[in-house]
Amino acid sequence: MELDLGAVRTFIAVVDDGHFTDAADRLGMTQQAVSKRIARLESDLGAPLLSRSRAGVRLTEDGAAFLPHARALISLADQAAGMLRVRRRPLRVDVLARVAAPVDIVRDFYEATEADVDIVVSRGSLSRATALADGSVDAAFGRVTGKLRPGIERIPASLEPIPILVGRKHRLARRKRVPMAELSGLTAWMPGNARDSEWAEFYRFLSDDFGVAIDTSGPVFGREHMVERIAASPDLIMFGSQAQFSGRPHVVEVAVTDPTPVYPWSLMWHAMNRHPSLSRLIGHVRAQYRPGDQGGLWLPAPDRPLFPQET
């Protein structure tokens, strides 16, 4: 005997909706077609599954016994179909930001493997964890804060140096590099740093360690507005790279040294994800990651155990 999965799915819909008419509407079928499917399923099983009444339908004893197996059967069929869909679609990778180290990593991966990739930009750790768990994305880059959710795995991906941007009127504008100690007492304007975001926490640690004030005030009116304010100020700095403001000649990028602040990027994925390109991305990230010099780099204390550095 071979069961018709369409008939089994219809049986579940009738049970859940309680009426043939409601199930028919949800399935986009006629009531007569629903009745025929149920009758065929009962014939194949050799037992009545449902009984009708004015109040709707109710399960027979055989129907109640069959229902959990029916749900398991449909769940397994959906999982099998979903697995094949996942294997055929592009690898979805959350890079968190359009101009940052993860984009370069994914581009290198694409050029080395020609794997089909979709780039996603999320809003941070909360949406990323949910997306990894439900399969909306296959892999994600970000800074790990706190304990990872069950099933989520990670590896170190990159320690991205963070320079500063200043206007041409700033006293540091003619410098190629500046020691971190010289930034003490200055104010870094960082609008848009959400209070509980992983990057806002990063800069709170930096502020505590080096005495750089972080000003997150003001809405973000676009990059032109940000450039205009930094360019016009003889005092403000901004942590970021010139690449984020390409084509804007009014701001200057200055490297920070002794130590160089680095953003600790991890690659994360869910252990149950079976996309065929995921393991290749993980291998690529492992191969290209290089630990930094312990004495020359700075990252927040909670991140250091996750990024073993050279001594």
C-alpha atoms as a PDB file:
ATOM      1  CA  MET A   1       0.000   0.000   0.000  1.00  0.00           C
ATOM      2  CA  GLU A   2       1.299   3.463  -0.960  1.00  0.00           C
ATOM      3  CA  LEU A   3      -0.163   6.444   0.852  1.00  0.00           C
ATOM      4  CA  ASP A   4      -0.999   9.601  -1.069  1.00  0.00           C
ATOM      5  CA  LEU A   5       0.848  12.409   0.752  1.00  0.00           C
ATOM      6  CA  GLY A   6      -1.642  14.925  -0.612  1.00  0.00           C
ATOM      7  CA  ALA A   7      -4.478  12.972   0.981  1.00  0.00           C
ATOM      8  CA  VAL A   8      -2.576  12.731   4.280  1.00  0.00           C
ATOM      9  CA  ARG A   9      -1.961  16.491   4.232  1.00  0.00           C
ATOM     10  CA  THR A  10      -5.667  17.061   3.546  1.00  0.00           C
ATOM     11  CA  PHE A  11      -6.613  14.812   6.465  1.00  0.00           C
ATOM     12  CA  ILE A  12      -4.438  16.896   8.805  1.00  0.00           C
ATOM     13  CA  ALA A  13      -5.960  20.128   7.487  1.00  0.00           C
ATOM     14  CA  VAL A  14      -9.503  18.862   8.134  1.00  0.00           C
ATOM     15  CA  VAL A  15      -8.545  17.815  11.662  1.00  0.00           C
ATOM     16  CA  ASP A  16      -6.894  21.166  12.408  1.00  0.00           C
ATOM     17  CA  ASP A  17      -9.718  23.270  10.926  1.00  0.00           C
ATOM     18  CA  GLY A  18     -12.559  21.108  12.240  1.00  0.00           C
ATOM     19  CA  HIS A  19     -14.638  21.448   9.066  1.00  0.00           C
ATOM     20  CA  PHE A  20     -14.311  20.204   5.484  1.00  0.00           C
ATOM     21  CA  THR A  21     -15.303  23.644   4.183  1.00  0.00           C
ATOM     22  CA  ASP A  22     -12.628  25.517   6.143  1.00  0.00           C
ATOM     23  CA  ALA A  23      -9.953  23.012   5.145  1.00  0.00           C
ATOM     24  CA  ALA A  24     -11.003  23.307   1.504  1.00  0.00           C
ATOM     25  CA  ASP A  25     -10.682  27.105   1.635  1.00  0.00           C
ATOM     26  CA  ARG A  26      -7.224  26.921   3.198  1.00  0.00           C
ATOM     27  CA  LEU A  27      -6.022  24.326   0.695  1.00  0.00           C
ATOM     28  CA  GLY A  28      -7.541  26.133  -2.294  1.00  0.00           C
ATOM     29  CA  MET A  29      -9.692  23.148  -3.171  1.00  0.00           C
ATOM     30  CA  THR A  30     -13.402  22.431  -3.460  1.00  0.00           C
ATOM     31  CA  GLN A  31     -15.173  20.709  -0.574  1.00  0.00           C
ATOM     32  CA  GLN A  32     -15.958  17.822  -2.908  1.00  0.00           C
ATOM     33  CA  ALA A  33     -12.252  17.359  -3.714  1.00  0.00           C
ATOM     34  CA  VAL A  34     -11.398  17.332  -0.001  1.00  0.00           C
ATOM     35  CA  SER A  35     -14.091  14.723   0.660  1.00  0.00           C
ATOM     36  CA  LYS A  36     -12.778  12.530  -2.166  1.00  0.00           C
ATOM     37  CA  ARG A  37      -9.227  12.675  -0.806  1.00  0.00           C
ATOM     38  CA  ILE A  38     -10.339  11.699   2.677  1.00  0.00           C
ATOM     39  CA  ALA A  39     -12.465   8.865   1.278  1.00  0.00           C
ATOM     40  CA  ARG A  40      -9.534   7.568  -0.770  1.00  0.00           C
ATOM     41  CA  LEU A  41      -7.228   7.711   2.268  1.00  0.00           C
ATOM     42  CA  GLU A  42      -9.749   5.821   4.395  1.00  0.00           C
ATOM     43  CA  SER A  43     -10.086   3.246   1.626  1.00  0.00           C
ATOM     44  CA  ASP A  44      -6.318   2.798   1.383  1.00  0.00           C
ATOM     45  CA  LEU A  45      -6.047   2.373   5.172  1.00  0.00           C
ATOM     46  CA  GLY A  46      -9.142   0.202   5.440  1.00  0.00           C
ATOM     47  CA  ALA A  47     -10.516   2.227   8.348  1.00  0.00           C
ATOM     48  CA  PRO A  48     -12.737   5.306   8.889  1.00  0.00           C
ATOM     49  CA  LEU A  49     -10.730   8.259  10.150  1.00  0.00           C
ATOM     50  CA  LEU A  50     -13.331  10.990  10.581  1.00  0.00           C
ATOM     51  CA  SER A  51     -16.996  11.194  11.468  1.00  0.00           C
ATOM     52  CA  ARG A  52     -19.169  14.140  10.519  1.00  0.00           C
ATOM     53  CA  SER A  53     -21.663  15.974  12.675  1.00  0.00           C
ATOM     54  CA  ARG A  54     -23.470  19.311  12.649  1.00  0.00           C
ATOM     55  CA  ALA A  55     -20.689  20.722  14.816  1.00  0.00           C
ATOM     56  CA  GLY A  56     -18.047  19.670  12.298  1.00  0.00           C
ATOM     57  CA  VAL A  57     -15.835  16.602  12.182  1.00  0.00           C
ATOM     58  CA  ARG A  58     -14.247  14.523  14.887  1.00  0.00           C
ATOM     59  CA  LEU A  59     -11.645  11.812  14.866  1.00  0.00           C
ATOM     60  CA  THR A  60     -12.627   8.184  15.077  1.00  0.00           C
ATOM     61  CA  GLU A  61     -10.567   5.900  17.291  1.00  0.00           C
ATOM     62  CA  ASP A  62      -8.563   4.821  14.229  1.00  0.00           C
ATOM     63  CA  GLY A  63      -8.224   8.446  13.132  1.00  0.00           C
ATOM     64  CA  ALA A  64      -6.826   9.481  16.511  1.00  0.00           C
ATOM     65  CA  ALA A  65      -4.317   6.637  16.346  1.00  0.00           C
ATOM     66  CA  PHE A  66      -3.273   7.575  12.801  1.00  0.00           C
ATOM     67  CA  LEU A  67      -2.985  11.359  13.367  1.00  0.00           C
ATOM     68  CA  PRO A  68       0.472  11.513  15.069  1.00  0.00           C
ATOM     69  CA  HIS A  69       1.917   9.227  12.391  1.00  0.00           C
ATOM     70  CA  ALA A  70       0.339  11.408   9.692  1.00  0.00           C
ATOM     71  CA  ARG A  71       1.949  14.526  11.166  1.00  0.00           C
ATOM     72  CA  ALA A  72       5.314  12.778  11.408  1.00  0.00           C
ATOM     73  CA  LEU A  73       5.032  11.590   7.812  1.00  0.00           C
ATOM     74  CA  ILE A  74       4.273  15.078   6.468  1.00  0.00           C
ATOM     75  CA  SER A  75       6.989  16.628   8.634  1.00  0.00           C
ATOM     76  CA  LEU A  76       9.546  14.188   7.260  1.00  0.00           C
ATOM     77  CA  ALA A  77       8.399  14.815   3.688  1.00  0.00           C
ATOM     78  CA  ASP A  78       8.664  18.586   4.197  1.00  0.00           C
ATOM     79  CA  GLN A  79      12.138  18.220   5.683  1.00  0.00           C
ATOM     80  CA  ALA A  80      13.272  16.113   2.724  1.00  0.00           C
ATOM     81  CA  ALA A  81      11.906  18.624   0.219  1.00  0.00           C
ATOM     82  CA  GLY A  82      13.383  21.519   2.206  1.00  0.00           C
ATOM     83  CA  MET A  83      16.796  19.858   2.267  1.00  0.00           C
ATOM     84  CA  LEU A  84      16.829  19.670  -1.530  1.00  0.00           C
ATOM     85  CA  ARG A  85      15.701  23.275  -1.847  1.00  0.00           C
ATOM     86  CA  VAL A  86      18.528  24.341   0.463  1.00  0.00           C
ATOM     87  CA  ARG A  87      21.066  22.433  -1.609  1.00  0.00           C
ATOM     88  CA  ARG A  88      19.951  24.195  -4.781  1.00  0.00           C
ATOM     89  CA  ARG A  89      19.750  27.765  -3.523  1.00  0.00           C
ATOM     90  CA  PRO A  90      22.709  30.139  -3.037  1.00  0.00           C
ATOM     91  CA  LEU A  91      24.624  30.149   0.237  1.00  0.00           C
ATOM     92  CA  ARG A  92      23.163  33.017   2.272  1.00  0.00           C
ATOM     93  CA  VAL A  93      25.797  34.882   4.271  1.00  0.00           C
ATOM     94  CA  ASP A  94      25.086  37.729   6.682  1.00  0.00           C
ATOM     95  CA  VAL A  95      28.033  40.163   6.549  1.00  0.00           C
ATOM     96  CA  LEU A  96      26.544  42.717   9.006  1.00  0.00           C
ATOM     97  CA  ALA A  97      27.992  45.673   7.058  1.00  0.00           C
ATOM     98  CA  ARG A  98      28.574  46.412   3.383  1.00  0.00           C
ATOM     99  CA  VAL A  99      32.019  47.924   3.919  1.00  0.00           C
ATOM    100  CA  ALA A 100      33.926  45.679   6.315  1.00  0.00           C
ATOM    101  CA  ALA A 101      36.275  42.704   6.386  1.00  0.00           C
ATOM    102  CA  PRO A 102      33.539  40.026   5.979  1.00  0.00           C
ATOM    103  CA  VAL A 103      32.658  41.337   2.522  1.00  0.00           C
ATOM    104  CA  ASP A 104      36.260  40.872   1.411  1.00  0.00           C
ATOM    105  CA  ILE A 105      36.330  37.375   2.911  1.00  0.00           C
ATOM    106  CA  VAL A 106      33.149  36.339   1.099  1.00  0.00           C
ATOM    107  CA  ARG A 107      34.378  37.863  -2.153  1.00  0.00           C
ATOM    108  CA  ASP A 108      37.652  35.919  -1.891  1.00  0.00           C
ATOM    109  CA  PHE A 109      35.650  32.761  -1.179  1.00  0.00           C
ATOM    110  CA  TYR A 110      33.453  33.360  -4.219  1.00  0.00           C
ATOM    111  CA  GLU A 111      36.415  34.021  -6.506  1.00  0.00           C
ATOM    112  CA  ALA A 112      38.243  30.913  -5.228  1.00  0.00           C
ATOM    113  CA  THR A 113      35.294  28.506  -5.428  1.00  0.00           C
ATOM    114  CA  GLU A 114      32.710  30.144  -7.740  1.00  0.00           C
ATOM    115  CA  ALA A 115      30.083  29.065  -5.205  1.00  0.00           C
ATOM    116  CA  ASP A 116      26.711  30.783  -5.599  1.00  0.00           C
ATOM    117  CA  VAL A 117      26.425  33.310  -2.737  1.00  0.00           C
ATOM    118  CA  ASP A 118      23.751  35.741  -1.529  1.00  0.00           C
ATOM    119  CA  ILE A 119      24.897  38.630   0.691  1.00  0.00           C
ATOM    120  CA  VAL A 120      22.600  39.603   3.575  1.00  0.00           C
ATOM    121  CA  VAL A 121      22.987  42.590   5.909  1.00  0.00           C
ATOM    122  CA  SER A 122      21.289  42.140   9.306  1.00  0.00           C
ATOM    123  CA  ARG A 123      20.840  44.399  12.308  1.00  0.00           C
ATOM    124  CA  GLY A 124      23.102  42.504  14.667  1.00  0.00           C
ATOM    125  CA  SER A 125      23.247  39.622  17.090  1.00  0.00           C
ATOM    126  CA  LEU A 126      19.548  39.120  17.890  1.00  0.00           C
ATOM    127  CA  SER A 127      18.294  38.896  14.318  1.00  0.00           C
ATOM    128  CA  ARG A 128      21.422  36.942  13.321  1.00  0.00           C
ATOM    129  CA  ALA A 129      20.898  34.225  15.939  1.00  0.00           C
ATOM    130  CA  THR A 130      17.265  33.794  14.901  1.00  0.00           C
ATOM    131  CA  ALA A 131      18.164  33.660  11.215  1.00  0.00           C
ATOM    132  CA  LEU A 132      20.846  31.014  11.792  1.00  0.00           C
ATOM    133  CA  ALA A 133      18.462  28.917  13.878  1.00  0.00           C
ATOM    134  CA  ASP A 134      15.579  29.013  11.396  1.00  0.00           C
ATOM    135  CA  GLY A 135      17.789  28.676   8.318  1.00  0.00           C
ATOM    136  CA  SER A 136      17.072  32.131   6.891  1.00  0.00           C
ATOM    137  CA  VAL A 137      20.837  32.517   6.571  1.00  0.00           C
ATOM    138  CA  ASP A 138      23.456  29.775   6.412  1.00  0.00           C
ATOM    139  CA  ALA A 139      26.382  31.667   7.923  1.00  0.00           C
ATOM    140  CA  ALA A 140      26.918  35.019   9.581  1.00  0.00           C
ATOM    141  CA  PHE A 141      29.789  37.276  10.533  1.00  0.00           C
ATOM    142  CA  GLY A 142      29.755  39.361  13.684  1.00  0.00           C
ATOM    143  CA  ARG A 143      31.204  39.948  17.093  1.00  0.00           C
ATOM    144  CA  VAL A 144      30.270  37.268  19.631  1.00  0.00           C
ATOM    145  CA  THR A 145      28.801  38.756  22.790  1.00  0.00           C
ATOM    146  CA  GLY A 146      27.819  36.398  25.563  1.00  0.00           C
ATOM    147  CA  LYS A 147      27.035  32.712  25.300  1.00  0.00           C
ATOM    148  CA  LEU A 148      26.075  31.366  21.897  1.00  0.00           C
ATOM    149  CA  ARG A 149      22.626  29.863  21.477  1.00  0.00           C
ATOM    150  CA  PRO A 150      22.416  26.052  21.418  1.00  0.00           C
ATOM    151  CA  GLY A 151      23.495  24.671  18.060  1.00  0.00           C
ATOM    152  CA  ILE A 152      25.407  27.785  16.972  1.00  0.00           C
ATOM    153  CA  GLU A 153      29.114  27.257  16.297  1.00  0.00           C
ATOM    154  CA  ARG A 154      31.841  29.807  15.547  1.00  0.00           C
ATOM    155  CA  ILE A 155      35.437  30.242  14.493  1.00  0.00           C
ATOM    156  CA  PRO A 156      37.638  33.364  14.402  1.00  0.00           C
ATOM    157  CA  ALA A 157      37.434  35.035  11.009  1.00  0.00           C
ATOM    158  CA  SER A 158      39.269  38.359  11.059  1.00  0.00           C
ATOM    159  CA  LEU A 159      40.841  40.998  13.260  1.00  0.00           C
ATOM    160  CA  GLU A 160      40.060  44.135  11.268  1.00  0.00           C
ATOM    161  CA  PRO A 161      42.187  47.221  12.072  1.00  0.00           C
ATOM    162  CA  ILE A 162      40.130  50.324  12.820  1.00  0.00           C
ATOM    163  CA  PRO A 163      41.616  53.707  11.812  1.00  0.00           C
ATOM    164  CA  ILE A 164      40.126  57.107  12.558  1.00  0.00           C
ATOM    165  CA  LEU A 165      38.676  59.733  10.256  1.00  0.00           C
ATOM    166  CA  VAL A 166      39.262  63.437  10.836  1.00  0.00           C
ATOM    167  CA  GLY A 167      38.527  66.629   8.957  1.00  0.00           C
ATOM    168  CA  ARG A 168      41.344  68.463   7.203  1.00  0.00           C
ATOM    169  CA  LYS A 169      41.202  71.175   9.891  1.00  0.00           C
ATOM    170  CA  HIS A 170      41.934  68.656  12.654  1.00  0.00           C
ATOM    171  CA  ARG A 171      45.396  68.744  14.242  1.00  0.00           C
ATOM    172  CA  LEU A 172      45.885  65.053  13.338  1.00  0.00           C
ATOM    173  CA  ALA A 173      44.999  65.505   9.667  1.00  0.00           C
ATOM    174  CA  ARG A 174      48.639  65.608   8.497  1.00  0.00           C
ATOM    175  CA  ARG A 175      49.616  62.465  10.391  1.00  0.00           C
ATOM    176  CA  LYS A 176      49.871  59.042   8.733  1.00  0.00           C
ATOM    177  CA  ARG A 177      49.473  57.287  12.077  1.00  0.00           C
ATOM    178  CA  VAL A 178      48.836  58.201  15.665  1.00  0.00           C
ATOM    179  CA  PRO A 179      49.457  56.280  18.915  1.00  0.00           C
ATOM    180  CA  MET A 180      46.305  55.366  20.765  1.00  0.00           C
ATOM    181  CA  ALA A 181      47.485  57.341  23.799  1.00  0.00           C
ATOM    182  CA  GLU A 182      47.157  60.587  21.810  1.00  0.00           C
ATOM    183  CA  LEU A 183      43.434  59.959  21.359  1.00  0.00           C
ATOM    184  CA  SER A 184      42.808  60.111  25.102  1.00  0.00           C
ATOM    185  CA  GLY A 185      40.502  63.019  25.894  1.00  0.00           C
ATOM    186  CA  LEU A 186      39.194  63.321  22.335  1.00  0.00           C
ATOM    187  CA  THR A 187      35.574  62.680  21.352  1.00  0.00           C
ATOM    188  CA  ALA A 188      34.661  60.142  18.696  1.00  0.00           C
ATOM    189  CA  TRP A 189      31.325  60.943  17.083  1.00  0.00           C
ATOM    190  CA  MET A 190      29.635  57.603  16.326  1.00  0.00           C
ATOM    191  CA  PRO A 191      25.967  58.281  15.462  1.00  0.00           C
ATOM    192  CA  GLY A 192      23.764  55.262  14.934  1.00  0.00           C
ATOM    193  CA  ASN A 193      25.544  53.077  17.499  1.00  0.00           C
ATOM    194  CA  ALA A 194      22.489  51.372  18.970  1.00  0.00           C
ATOM    195  CA  ARG A 195      22.788  51.173  22.747  1.00  0.00           C
ATOM    196  CA  ASP A 196      22.770  47.363  23.029  1.00  0.00           C
ATOM    197  CA  SER A 197      24.492  46.528  19.749  1.00  0.00           C
ATOM    198  CA  GLU A 198      27.653  44.459  19.558  1.00  0.00           C
ATOM    199  CA  TRP A 199      29.592  47.364  18.035  1.00  0.00           C
ATOM    200  CA  ALA A 200      28.389  49.884  20.655  1.00  0.00           C
ATOM    201  CA  GLU A 201      29.666  47.554  23.359  1.00  0.00           C
ATOM    202  CA  PHE A 202      32.997  47.297  21.543  1.00  0.00           C
ATOM    203  CA  TYR A 203      33.428  51.076  21.675  1.00  0.00           C
ATOM    204  CA  ARG A 204      32.392  51.229  25.335  1.00  0.00           C
ATOM    205  CA  PHE A 205      35.285  48.897  26.128  1.00  0.00           C
ATOM    206  CA  LEU A 206      37.615  51.040  24.017  1.00  0.00           C
ATOM    207  CA  SER A 207      36.462  54.196  25.772  1.00  0.00           C
ATOM    208  CA  ASP A 208      37.027  52.656  29.201  1.00  0.00           C
ATOM    209  CA  ASP A 209      40.528  51.446  28.311  1.00  0.00           C
ATOM    210  CA  PHE A 210      41.839  54.547  26.542  1.00  0.00           C
ATOM    211  CA  GLY A 211      39.773  57.525  27.665  1.00  0.00           C
ATOM    212  CA  VAL A 212      38.236  58.287  24.269  1.00  0.00           C
ATOM    213  CA  ALA A 213      34.733  59.702  24.707  1.00  0.00           C
ATOM    214  CA  ILE A 214      32.102  58.062  22.466  1.00  0.00           C
ATOM    215  CA  ASP A 215      29.317  60.412  21.399  1.00  0.00           C
ATOM    216  CA  THR A 216      26.359  58.570  19.826  1.00  0.00           C
ATOM    217  CA  SER A 217      24.030  61.576  19.778  1.00  0.00           C
ATOM    218  CA  GLY A 218      22.039  62.680  16.805  1.00  0.00           C
ATOM    219  CA  PRO A 219      20.164  60.770  14.095  1.00  0.00           C
ATOM    220  CA  VAL A 220      21.957  59.552  10.989  1.00  0.00           C
ATOM    221  CA  PHE A 221      20.967  61.662   7.985  1.00  0.00           C
ATOM    222  CA  GLY A 222      23.259  59.829   5.595  1.00  0.00           C
ATOM    223  CA  ARG A 223      26.949  59.700   4.863  1.00  0.00           C
ATOM    224  CA  GLU A 224      27.096  63.212   3.428  1.00  0.00           C
ATOM    225  CA  HIS A 225      25.855  64.621   6.728  1.00  0.00           C
ATOM    226  CA  MET A 226      28.396  62.589   8.690  1.00  0.00           C
ATOM    227  CA  VAL A 227      31.248  63.697   6.437  1.00  0.00           C
ATOM    228  CA  GLU A 228      30.167  67.328   6.638  1.00  0.00           C
ATOM    229  CA  ARG A 229      30.169  67.332  10.432  1.00  0.00           C
ATOM    230  CA  ILE A 230      33.554  65.602  10.762  1.00  0.00           C
ATOM    231  CA  ALA A 231      35.060  67.758   8.011  1.00  0.00           C
ATOM    232  CA  ALA A 232      33.887  70.954   9.710  1.00  0.00           C
ATOM    233  CA  SER A 233      35.140  70.044  13.188  1.00  0.00           C
ATOM    234  CA  PRO A 234      38.689  70.741  14.420  1.00  0.00           C
ATOM    235  CA  ASP A 235      38.118  68.455  17.411  1.00  0.00           C
ATOM    236  CA  LEU A 236      35.892  65.472  16.558  1.00  0.00           C
ATOM    237  CA  ILE A 237      37.183  62.144  15.286  1.00  0.00           C
ATOM    238  CA  MET A 238      35.287  59.137  13.978  1.00  0.00           C
ATOM    239  CA  PHE A 239      36.353  55.507  14.054  1.00  0.00           C
ATOM    240  CA  GLY A 240      36.037  54.142  10.541  1.00  0.00           C
ATOM    241  CA  SER A 241      37.795  53.834   7.207  1.00  0.00           C
ATOM    242  CA  GLN A 242      37.967  56.007   4.119  1.00  0.00           C
ATOM    243  CA  ALA A 243      36.391  53.129   2.180  1.00  0.00           C
ATOM    244  CA  GLN A 244      33.125  53.824   4.011  1.00  0.00           C
ATOM    245  CA  PHE A 245      33.139  57.337   2.585  1.00  0.00           C
ATOM    246  CA  SER A 246      34.750  56.816  -0.812  1.00  0.00           C
ATOM    247  CA  GLY A 247      34.766  59.881  -2.997  1.00  0.00           C
ATOM    248  CA  ARG A 248      34.656  62.279  -0.022  1.00  0.00           C
ATOM    249  CA  PRO A 249      37.927  64.263  -0.081  1.00  0.00           C
ATOM    250  CA  HIS A 250      37.086  66.341   3.001  1.00  0.00           C
ATOM    251  CA  VAL A 251      37.987  63.648   5.526  1.00  0.00           C
ATOM    252  CA  VAL A 252      41.361  62.023   6.129  1.00  0.00           C
ATOM    253  CA  GLU A 253      42.072  58.486   7.338  1.00  0.00           C
ATOM    254  CA  VAL A 254      44.736  58.123  10.032  1.00  0.00           C
ATOM    255  CA  ALA A 255      46.017  54.729  11.232  1.00  0.00           C
ATOM    256  CA  VAL A 256      45.971  54.059  14.979  1.00  0.00           C
ATOM    257  CA  THR A 257      48.942  52.284  16.561  1.00  0.00           C
ATOM    258  CA  ASP A 258      50.434  51.182  19.881  1.00  0.00           C
ATOM    259  CA  PRO A 259      48.083  49.345  20.101  1.00  0.00           C
ATOM    260  CA  THR A 260      45.921  49.134  16.987  1.00  0.00           C
ATOM    261  CA  PRO A 261      42.241  48.587  17.811  1.00  0.00           C
ATOM    262  CA  VAL A 262      40.863  45.654  15.829  1.00  0.00           C
ATOM    263  CA  TYR A 263      37.279  44.523  15.409  1.00  0.00           C
ATOM    264  CA  PRO A 264      36.985  40.804  16.247  1.00  0.00           C
ATOM    265  CA  TRP A 265      34.920  39.161  13.496  1.00  0.00           C
ATOM    266  CA  SER A 266      33.723  35.594  14.007  1.00  0.00           C
ATOM    267  CA  LEU A 267      32.033  33.333  11.483  1.00  0.00           C
ATOM    268  CA  MET A 268      28.936  31.609  12.900  1.00  0.00           C
ATOM    269  CA  TRP A 269      26.647  28.875  11.619  1.00  0.00           C
ATOM    270  CA  HIS A 270      24.140  26.337  12.917  1.00  0.00           C
ATOM    271  CA  ALA A 271      25.447  22.805  13.393  1.00  0.00           C
ATOM    272  CA  MET A 272      22.351  21.322  11.706  1.00  0.00           C
ATOM    273  CA  ASN A 273      22.752  23.360   8.515  1.00  0.00           C
ATOM    274  CA  ARG A 274      23.553  21.070   5.571  1.00  0.00           C
ATOM    275  CA  HIS A 275      24.058  23.529   2.730  1.00  0.00           C
ATOM    276  CA  PRO A 276      26.750  21.962   0.514  1.00  0.00           C
ATOM    277  CA  SER A 277      28.767  25.195   0.289  1.00  0.00           C
ATOM    278  CA  LEU A 278      28.793  25.912   4.026  1.00  0.00           C
ATOM    279  CA  SER A 279      31.654  23.553   4.876  1.00  0.00           C
ATOM    280  CA  ARG A 280      33.695  25.082   2.050  1.00  0.00           C
ATOM    281  CA  LEU A 281      33.155  28.577   3.453  1.00  0.00           C
ATOM    282  CA  ILE A 282      34.155  27.407   6.934  1.00  0.00           C
ATOM    283  CA  GLY A 283      37.312  25.818   5.521  1.00  0.00           C
ATOM    284  CA  HIS A 284      38.126  28.971   3.573  1.00  0.00           C
ATOM    285  CA  VAL A 285      37.784  31.169   6.649  1.00  0.00           C
ATOM    286  CA  ARG A 286      39.921  28.810   8.741  1.00  0.00           C
ATOM    287  CA  ALA A 287      42.642  28.819   6.091  1.00  0.00           C
ATOM    288  CA  GLN A 288      42.803  32.599   5.647  1.00  0.00           C
ATOM    289  CA  TYR A 289      42.577  33.650   9.308  1.00  0.00           C
ATOM    290  CA  ARG A 290      45.821  34.913  10.817  1.00  0.00           C
ATOM    291  CA  PRO A 291      46.179  35.668  14.544  1.00  0.00           C
ATOM    292  CA  GLY A 292      47.575  39.070  15.345  1.00  0.00           C
ATOM    293  CA  ASP A 293      50.575  40.159  17.375  1.00  0.00           C
ATOM    294  CA  GLN A 294      49.514  40.075  21.022  1.00  0.00           C
ATOM    295  CA  GLY A 295      51.486  43.166  21.898  1.00  0.00           C
ATOM    296  CA  GLY A 296      50.438  45.328  18.966  1.00  0.00           C
ATOM    297  CA  LEU A 297      46.662  44.859  18.859  1.00  0.00           C
ATOM    298  CA  TRP A 298      43.807  45.786  21.144  1.00  0.00           C
ATOM    299  CA  LEU A 299      40.439  44.087  21.431  1.00  0.00           C
ATOM    300  CA  PRO A 300      37.987  43.975  24.341  1.00  0.00           C
ATOM    301  CA  ALA A 301      38.893  41.664  27.207  1.00  0.00           C
ATOM    302  CA  PRO A 302      35.877  39.341  26.651  1.00  0.00           C
ATOM    303  CA  ASP A 303      36.964  38.761  23.037  1.00  0.00           C
ATOM    304  CA  ARG A 304      40.559  37.814  23.728  1.00  0.00           C
ATOM    305  CA  PRO A 305      39.955  34.147  24.670  1.00  0.00           C
ATOM    306  CA  LEU A 306      38.096  33.719  21.356  1.00  0.00           C
ATOM    307  CA  PHE A 307      41.022  35.074  19.337  1.00  0.00           C
ATOM    308  CA  PRO A 308      44.297  33.480  20.460  1.00  0.00           C
ATOM    309  CA  GLN A 309      47.144  35.744  19.382  1.00  0.00           C
ATOM    310  CA  GLU A 310      50.791  35.275  18.611  1.00  0.00           C
ATOM    311  CA  THR A 311      53.177  35.940  21.474  1.00  0.00           C
END
